[in-house]
Amino acid sequence: MPALGCMRGRSAMWPTPGRIPRMIPRRRLLAATALPFAAPLLAPGPARAAWAPDRPVTMLVGFAPGGGTDIITRLLAPALQAELGQPIAVENRPGASGTIAALAGCRAAPDGQTLFMTTVSASAVVPPLMQPPPFDIHRDQTAICLAATVPLVAVVPMSSPARDLGAFIDYARARPGQLNYSSSGVATQQHLAAELLCAEAGLRMTHVPFRGTGQAVNEILAGRIDLAIDTFPTYLPHIRGERVRALATTMPRRIEWLPDLPTVAESGFPGFDADVWYMLMGPAGLPAPIRDRWAAAVNRALQDPVLQPRIREAGFIPGGGSSEDAAALLRRDAARYAGLIKAAGIRIE
């Protein structure tokens, strides 16, 4: 698979400035799935009486250990084990921008014993780009519950001369085609966010996709990657440990964890807005009592007074809500990104 990136040039990648489609919906689009409203949306009592797993559960993750998908899954797993009464084995199956695990989850028996934690890219963006598509994003998977949302953060190695985003852009403009940026796969949110920045800033950089964020982290720590725009929880400990330098975050407002760090929008690109959601999914045909029982368990875990602060401390915005809300979010972003991918000219070869 050849590396894709800003090397195509600005005009080939995006519409004219001011008409670039938004990458991620504003926060109001997630309001229906916000945690405070989770409990009234679910009726866990009857579902709990109707179904419970009768043996250990497998939860698939489509990226290597250390990335955002892996972190949120492992944070939730102990609370879900306690809620459901069965061990949960988290199994990493990285590759193909998260679609290897998603495909395995789609092919699992619809008995609630094998699920997958997925991202907007793995379940809504990448599959339609593959030839042939590995699965139908609407027909072959069942949305269960939104687990969390995270901002992205732009980081550089400590050896980089850039101290802020403006300085990095000046540095990159003076070296067209010489710098690179990483992602956890073609057409992932990390890739799209970096492409959007390249387009708006007029940069030419080379895309270096990895099988997961964990691999990309090692490369930027070693100074072999010039820029990463990646999930905030992945880089939070490295930012705090001063092993990478944070330049900006990608949501419209500054984030609570680093209130002094400016946003990309504040750094000269008004309207720049990007984040990533994580969603628990099951295969097609998952019976409603099983789906709703899992959704109730995720909501309870997210409301746990011990776990909730740990999730926020790790850099996640807790999710929650009903399966219907999760399915609506999946449909909405699938349609939105189809237009964005077409405008960007991104393809998988």
Protein backbone atom coordinates (compact mmCIF):
# COMPACT_ATOMS: atom_id res chain seq x y z
CA MET A 1 0.00 0.00 0.00
CA PRO A 2 1.69 3.23 -1.05
CA ALA A 3 1.83 6.05 1.45
CA LEU A 4 -0.64 8.78 0.75
CA GLY A 5 -0.19 12.33 1.94
CA CYS A 6 -0.06 15.97 1.18
CA MET A 7 2.29 15.24 -1.71
CA ARG A 8 -0.74 15.41 -4.02
CA GLY A 9 -0.78 19.17 -3.55
CA ARG A 10 -3.45 21.43 -2.23
CA SER A 11 -5.65 21.79 -5.26
CA ALA A 12 -6.00 18.04 -5.77
CA MET A 13 -6.85 17.31 -2.18
CA TRP A 14 -9.48 19.80 -1.11
CA PRO A 15 -12.06 22.27 -2.35
CA THR A 16 -11.19 25.95 -2.28
CA PRO A 17 -10.48 27.50 1.13
CA GLY A 18 -13.62 28.33 3.04
CA ARG A 19 -15.49 25.48 1.41
CA ILE A 20 -13.67 22.57 2.97
CA PRO A 21 -16.26 20.31 4.62
CA ARG A 22 -16.08 19.93 8.38
CA MET A 23 -14.33 16.78 9.42
CA ILE A 24 -16.26 16.12 12.61
CA PRO A 25 -19.65 17.38 13.74
CA ARG A 26 -19.81 20.11 16.34
CA ARG A 27 -20.29 18.97 19.89
CA ARG A 28 -24.02 19.51 19.63
CA LEU A 29 -24.23 16.51 17.30
CA LEU A 30 -23.12 14.29 20.19
CA ALA A 31 -25.49 15.89 22.66
CA ALA A 32 -27.99 13.07 22.24
CA THR A 33 -25.38 10.61 23.41
CA ALA A 34 -24.00 12.63 26.30
CA LEU A 35 -23.50 10.74 29.53
CA PRO A 36 -25.95 12.68 31.76
CA PHE A 37 -28.81 11.47 29.55
CA ALA A 38 -27.67 7.84 29.41
CA ALA A 39 -29.66 6.40 32.29
CA PRO A 40 -33.16 7.53 31.19
CA LEU A 41 -32.56 6.18 27.67
CA LEU A 42 -32.09 2.61 28.83
CA ALA A 43 -34.23 0.16 30.72
CA PRO A 44 -31.59 -2.25 31.94
CA GLY A 45 -33.76 -4.26 34.33
CA PRO A 46 -35.68 -6.44 31.85
CA ALA A 47 -32.67 -6.83 29.55
CA ARG A 48 -30.54 -7.92 32.48
CA ALA A 49 -33.06 -10.59 33.43
CA ALA A 50 -33.32 -11.78 29.82
CA TRP A 51 -29.63 -12.26 29.00
CA ALA A 52 -26.16 -12.52 30.46
CA PRO A 53 -22.96 -13.99 29.00
CA ASP A 54 -22.43 -17.60 30.06
CA ARG A 55 -18.69 -17.81 29.31
CA PRO A 56 -15.71 -15.45 28.88
CA VAL A 57 -16.19 -12.61 26.41
CA THR A 58 -13.77 -11.55 23.67
CA MET A 59 -13.48 -7.84 22.86
CA LEU A 60 -11.54 -7.13 19.66
CA VAL A 61 -9.43 -3.99 19.16
CA GLY A 62 -8.27 -3.09 15.67
CA PHE A 63 -5.10 -1.26 16.66
CA ALA A 64 -1.89 -2.08 18.48
CA PRO A 65 -1.62 -1.62 22.26
CA GLY A 66 -1.05 1.95 23.39
CA GLY A 67 -3.52 3.71 21.08
CA GLY A 68 -6.78 5.37 22.06
CA THR A 69 -8.96 2.39 21.12
CA ASP A 70 -6.86 0.06 23.24
CA ILE A 71 -6.75 2.48 26.19
CA ILE A 72 -10.51 3.04 26.45
CA THR A 73 -11.22 -0.68 26.00
CA ARG A 74 -8.86 -1.67 28.80
CA LEU A 75 -10.21 1.05 31.07
CA LEU A 76 -13.78 -0.21 30.62
CA ALA A 77 -13.08 -3.97 30.64
CA PRO A 78 -12.81 -4.50 34.44
CA ALA A 79 -16.04 -2.60 35.12
CA LEU A 80 -17.83 -4.54 32.38
CA GLN A 81 -16.52 -7.80 33.82
CA ALA A 82 -17.93 -6.88 37.22
CA GLU A 83 -21.25 -5.85 35.69
CA LEU A 84 -21.70 -8.94 33.49
CA GLY A 85 -20.07 -11.56 35.67
CA GLN A 86 -17.70 -12.97 33.06
CA PRO A 87 -14.03 -12.31 32.22
CA ILE A 88 -13.38 -10.06 29.21
CA ALA A 89 -10.32 -10.80 27.09
CA VAL A 90 -9.12 -7.78 25.10
CA GLU A 91 -7.59 -9.05 21.85
CA ASN A 92 -5.58 -6.70 19.62
CA ARG A 93 -5.80 -7.42 15.88
CA PRO A 94 -4.09 -4.42 14.29
CA GLY A 95 -3.93 -3.66 10.60
CA ALA A 96 -5.82 -2.21 7.62
CA SER A 97 -6.77 0.95 9.55
CA GLY A 98 -8.69 -1.08 12.13
CA THR A 99 -10.81 -3.03 9.67
CA ILE A 100 -9.23 -6.44 10.37
CA ALA A 101 -10.74 -6.51 13.85
CA ALA A 102 -13.96 -4.92 12.64
CA LEU A 103 -14.37 -7.62 9.97
CA ALA A 104 -13.75 -10.36 12.54
CA GLY A 105 -16.34 -8.76 14.80
CA CYS A 106 -18.85 -8.56 11.97
CA ARG A 107 -18.33 -12.28 11.25
CA ALA A 108 -18.72 -13.33 14.90
CA ALA A 109 -21.76 -15.25 16.08
CA PRO A 110 -24.51 -12.83 17.18
CA ASP A 111 -24.55 -14.19 20.72
CA GLY A 112 -22.96 -11.29 22.61
CA GLN A 113 -19.79 -13.23 23.38
CA THR A 114 -17.56 -11.50 20.79
CA LEU A 115 -17.74 -7.72 20.32
CA PHE A 116 -15.36 -5.09 18.99
CA MET A 117 -14.39 -1.60 20.08
CA THR A 118 -14.21 0.46 16.94
CA THR A 119 -13.57 3.97 15.68
CA VAL A 120 -15.31 6.22 13.20
CA SER A 121 -12.62 5.40 10.63
CA ALA A 122 -12.67 1.60 11.04
CA SER A 123 -16.46 1.31 10.94
CA ALA A 124 -17.60 4.25 8.80
CA VAL A 125 -14.78 5.70 6.69
CA VAL A 126 -12.27 3.09 5.55
CA PRO A 127 -14.40 0.05 4.53
CA PRO A 128 -16.16 1.75 1.58
CA LEU A 129 -12.73 2.75 0.20
CA MET A 130 -11.48 -0.84 0.02
CA GLN A 131 -11.94 -2.91 -3.13
CA PRO A 132 -13.93 -4.92 -2.51
CA PRO A 133 -15.31 -3.51 0.75
CA PRO A 134 -14.72 -6.06 3.55
CA PHE A 135 -18.19 -5.50 4.96
CA ASP A 136 -21.23 -3.29 4.57
CA ILE A 137 -21.01 -0.58 7.19
CA HIS A 138 -24.78 -0.48 7.67
CA ARG A 139 -25.82 -4.10 7.13
CA ASP A 140 -23.04 -6.10 8.78
CA GLN A 141 -22.50 -4.45 12.18
CA THR A 142 -24.69 -3.49 15.13
CA ALA A 143 -24.00 -0.25 16.99
CA ILE A 144 -24.24 -0.85 20.74
CA CYS A 145 -23.04 2.22 22.65
CA LEU A 146 -20.78 5.24 22.31
CA ALA A 147 -17.87 4.65 24.69
CA ALA A 148 -15.99 7.95 24.48
CA THR A 149 -14.86 10.86 22.35
CA VAL A 150 -11.38 12.37 22.32
CA PRO A 151 -9.75 15.46 20.86
CA LEU A 152 -6.68 15.14 18.69
CA VAL A 153 -3.41 16.87 19.50
CA ALA A 154 -0.60 17.95 17.19
CA VAL A 155 2.79 16.93 18.58
CA VAL A 156 6.40 17.04 17.42
CA PRO A 157 9.59 15.41 18.74
CA MET A 158 11.46 17.27 21.45
CA SER A 159 14.26 17.73 18.92
CA SER A 160 11.99 19.76 16.62
CA PRO A 161 12.84 23.46 16.34
CA ALA A 162 9.12 24.32 16.41
CA ARG A 163 7.75 25.62 19.70
CA ASP A 164 4.23 26.30 18.43
CA LEU A 165 2.06 25.41 15.44
CA GLY A 166 2.84 28.63 13.58
CA ALA A 167 6.57 27.95 13.84
CA PHE A 168 6.11 24.38 12.62
CA ILE A 169 4.10 25.55 9.61
CA ASP A 170 6.82 28.05 8.70
CA TYR A 171 9.44 25.33 9.08
CA ALA A 172 7.46 22.89 6.90
CA ARG A 173 6.71 25.49 4.22
CA ALA A 174 10.42 26.16 3.87
CA ARG A 175 11.02 22.41 3.30
CA PRO A 176 8.30 21.25 0.87
CA GLY A 177 8.16 17.48 0.61
CA GLN A 178 10.97 16.94 3.14
CA LEU A 179 8.91 16.40 6.33
CA ASN A 180 6.54 13.59 7.23
CA TYR A 181 3.58 12.91 9.49
CA SER A 182 2.25 9.68 10.97
CA SER A 183 -1.15 8.06 11.35
CA SER A 184 -2.58 4.73 12.45
CA GLY A 185 -3.65 3.96 8.87
CA VAL A 186 -4.91 5.37 5.59
CA ALA A 187 -8.15 7.38 5.97
CA THR A 188 -8.10 7.23 9.77
CA GLN A 189 -8.99 10.39 11.65
CA GLN A 190 -5.30 11.06 12.25
CA HIS A 191 -4.68 10.93 8.51
CA LEU A 192 -7.65 13.12 7.66
CA ALA A 193 -6.82 15.71 10.32
CA ALA A 194 -3.25 16.03 9.06
CA GLU A 195 -4.42 16.24 5.45
CA LEU A 196 -6.84 18.99 6.41
CA LEU A 197 -4.07 20.96 8.12
CA CYS A 198 -1.80 20.47 5.08
CA ALA A 199 -4.53 21.73 2.78
CA GLU A 200 -5.37 24.78 4.87
CA ALA A 201 -1.74 25.69 5.55
CA GLY A 202 -0.46 24.90 2.05
CA LEU A 203 2.02 22.24 3.22
CA ARG A 204 3.58 19.35 1.30
CA MET A 205 4.39 16.48 3.65
CA THR A 206 4.63 12.70 3.31
CA HIS A 207 2.10 10.45 5.03
CA VAL A 208 3.61 7.51 6.95
CA PRO A 209 0.81 5.11 8.00
CA PHE A 210 1.38 2.54 10.76
CA ARG A 211 -0.59 -0.49 11.94
CA GLY A 212 -1.56 1.37 15.09
CA THR A 213 -0.83 4.50 17.06
CA GLY A 214 1.53 2.67 19.41
CA GLN A 215 4.03 2.13 16.60
CA ALA A 216 3.77 5.76 15.53
CA VAL A 217 4.49 6.91 19.08
CA ASN A 218 7.78 5.00 19.15
CA GLU A 219 8.84 6.63 15.90
CA ILE A 220 8.07 10.18 16.98
CA LEU A 221 9.78 9.60 20.33
CA ALA A 222 12.84 8.53 18.36
CA GLY A 223 12.64 11.67 16.23
CA ARG A 224 11.97 9.83 12.96
CA ILE A 225 8.49 11.36 12.52
CA ASP A 226 8.21 15.13 12.18
CA LEU A 227 4.53 15.56 13.14
CA ALA A 228 1.65 13.53 14.52
CA ILE A 229 -1.94 14.67 14.90
CA ASP A 230 -3.23 11.88 17.06
CA THR A 231 -5.60 10.98 19.85
CA PHE A 232 -4.96 13.03 22.97
CA PRO A 233 -5.00 10.12 25.49
CA THR A 234 -2.23 8.39 23.53
CA TYR A 235 0.13 11.32 23.91
CA LEU A 236 -0.98 12.74 27.25
CA PRO A 237 1.61 10.83 29.35
CA HIS A 238 4.35 11.72 26.86
CA ILE A 239 3.33 15.39 26.92
CA ARG A 240 3.36 15.40 30.71
CA GLY A 241 6.70 13.57 30.72
CA GLU A 242 8.15 16.10 28.24
CA ARG A 243 9.00 13.37 25.75
CA VAL A 244 7.04 15.10 22.96
CA ARG A 245 6.03 18.73 22.49
CA ALA A 246 2.36 19.59 22.05
CA LEU A 247 1.63 22.36 19.56
CA ALA A 248 -2.16 22.58 19.43
CA THR A 249 -5.40 20.67 19.94
CA THR A 250 -8.02 20.17 17.26
CA MET A 251 -11.41 20.90 18.82
CA PRO A 252 -12.92 24.42 18.66
CA ARG A 253 -12.27 25.14 22.34
CA ARG A 254 -9.25 24.48 24.52
CA ILE A 255 -9.35 21.26 26.47
CA GLU A 256 -9.56 20.96 30.23
CA TRP A 257 -6.39 18.85 30.54
CA LEU A 258 -4.11 21.46 28.93
CA PRO A 259 -5.93 24.78 29.22
CA ASP A 260 -2.86 26.79 28.19
CA LEU A 261 -2.42 24.91 24.92
CA PRO A 262 -4.02 26.78 21.99
CA THR A 263 -6.26 25.17 19.40
CA VAL A 264 -5.52 24.85 15.70
CA ALA A 265 -8.39 27.28 15.12
CA GLU A 266 -6.71 29.84 17.38
CA SER A 267 -3.43 29.31 15.57
CA GLY A 268 -4.64 30.82 12.32
CA PHE A 269 -7.18 28.30 10.99
CA PRO A 270 -10.66 29.36 12.11
CA GLY A 271 -13.24 26.60 12.05
CA PHE A 272 -10.75 23.74 12.29
CA ASP A 273 -12.51 20.98 14.25
CA ALA A 274 -11.56 17.31 14.59
CA ASP A 275 -12.05 14.54 17.11
CA VAL A 276 -12.44 10.75 17.28
CA TRP A 277 -15.20 8.62 18.75
CA TYR A 278 -14.99 5.06 20.04
CA MET A 279 -18.01 2.78 19.87
CA LEU A 280 -18.78 -0.73 21.09
CA MET A 281 -20.10 -2.80 18.17
CA GLY A 282 -21.43 -6.28 17.56
CA PRO A 283 -22.22 -8.35 14.49
CA ALA A 284 -25.37 -8.02 12.44
CA GLY A 285 -28.38 -9.80 13.85
CA LEU A 286 -27.43 -9.18 17.46
CA PRO A 287 -30.71 -9.66 19.36
CA ALA A 288 -32.11 -6.54 20.99
CA PRO A 289 -31.98 -7.95 24.56
CA ILE A 290 -28.25 -8.69 24.17
CA ARG A 291 -27.53 -5.35 22.51
CA ASP A 292 -29.42 -3.42 25.18
CA ARG A 293 -27.82 -5.40 28.01
CA TRP A 294 -24.37 -4.48 26.74
CA ALA A 295 -25.41 -0.83 26.28
CA ALA A 296 -26.70 -0.74 29.85
CA ALA A 297 -23.42 -2.22 31.10
CA VAL A 298 -21.37 0.43 29.26
CA ASN A 299 -23.54 3.21 30.65
CA ARG A 300 -23.16 1.90 34.19
CA ALA A 301 -19.39 1.62 33.76
CA LEU A 302 -19.18 5.20 32.49
CA GLN A 303 -21.13 6.43 35.52
CA ASP A 304 -19.02 4.53 38.04
CA PRO A 305 -17.70 7.12 40.55
CA VAL A 306 -14.26 5.46 40.61
CA LEU A 307 -13.88 4.75 36.89
CA GLN A 308 -15.32 7.99 35.50
CA PRO A 309 -12.54 10.25 36.84
CA ARG A 310 -9.94 7.76 35.61
CA ILE A 311 -11.43 7.96 32.10
CA ARG A 312 -11.37 11.75 32.15
CA GLU A 313 -7.88 11.82 33.63
CA ALA A 314 -6.73 9.68 30.69
CA GLY A 315 -8.02 12.33 28.28
CA PHE A 316 -11.38 10.87 27.20
CA ILE A 317 -14.78 12.54 27.19
CA PRO A 318 -17.14 9.76 28.43
CA GLY A 319 -19.89 8.69 26.04
CA GLY A 320 -23.03 6.75 26.88
CA GLY A 321 -26.59 6.76 25.60
CA SER A 322 -28.72 4.26 23.77
CA SER A 323 -27.98 1.92 20.88
CA GLU A 324 -30.28 4.01 18.73
CA ASP A 325 -28.16 7.08 19.43
CA ALA A 326 -24.99 5.17 18.53
CA ALA A 327 -26.52 3.94 15.27
CA ALA A 328 -27.58 7.47 14.35
CA LEU A 329 -24.06 8.77 14.98
CA LEU A 330 -22.63 6.02 12.76
CA ARG A 331 -25.02 6.84 9.91
CA ARG A 332 -24.37 10.57 10.20
CA ASP A 333 -20.59 10.27 10.09
CA ALA A 334 -20.62 7.65 7.34
CA ALA A 335 -22.47 10.10 5.10
CA ARG A 336 -20.31 13.06 6.10
CA TYR A 337 -17.00 11.30 5.51
CA ALA A 338 -18.07 9.87 2.19
CA GLY A 339 -18.25 13.45 0.94
CA LEU A 340 -14.99 14.43 2.58
CA ILE A 341 -13.06 11.47 1.17
CA LYS A 342 -14.34 12.21 -2.31
CA ALA A 343 -13.35 15.87 -2.04
CA ALA A 344 -9.91 14.92 -0.68
CA GLY A 345 -9.22 12.34 -3.39
CA ILE A 346 -8.02 9.83 -0.79
CA ARG A 347 -8.11 6.22 -1.90
CA ILE A 348 -6.76 2.87 -0.81
CA GLU A 349 -4.77 1.00 -3.44
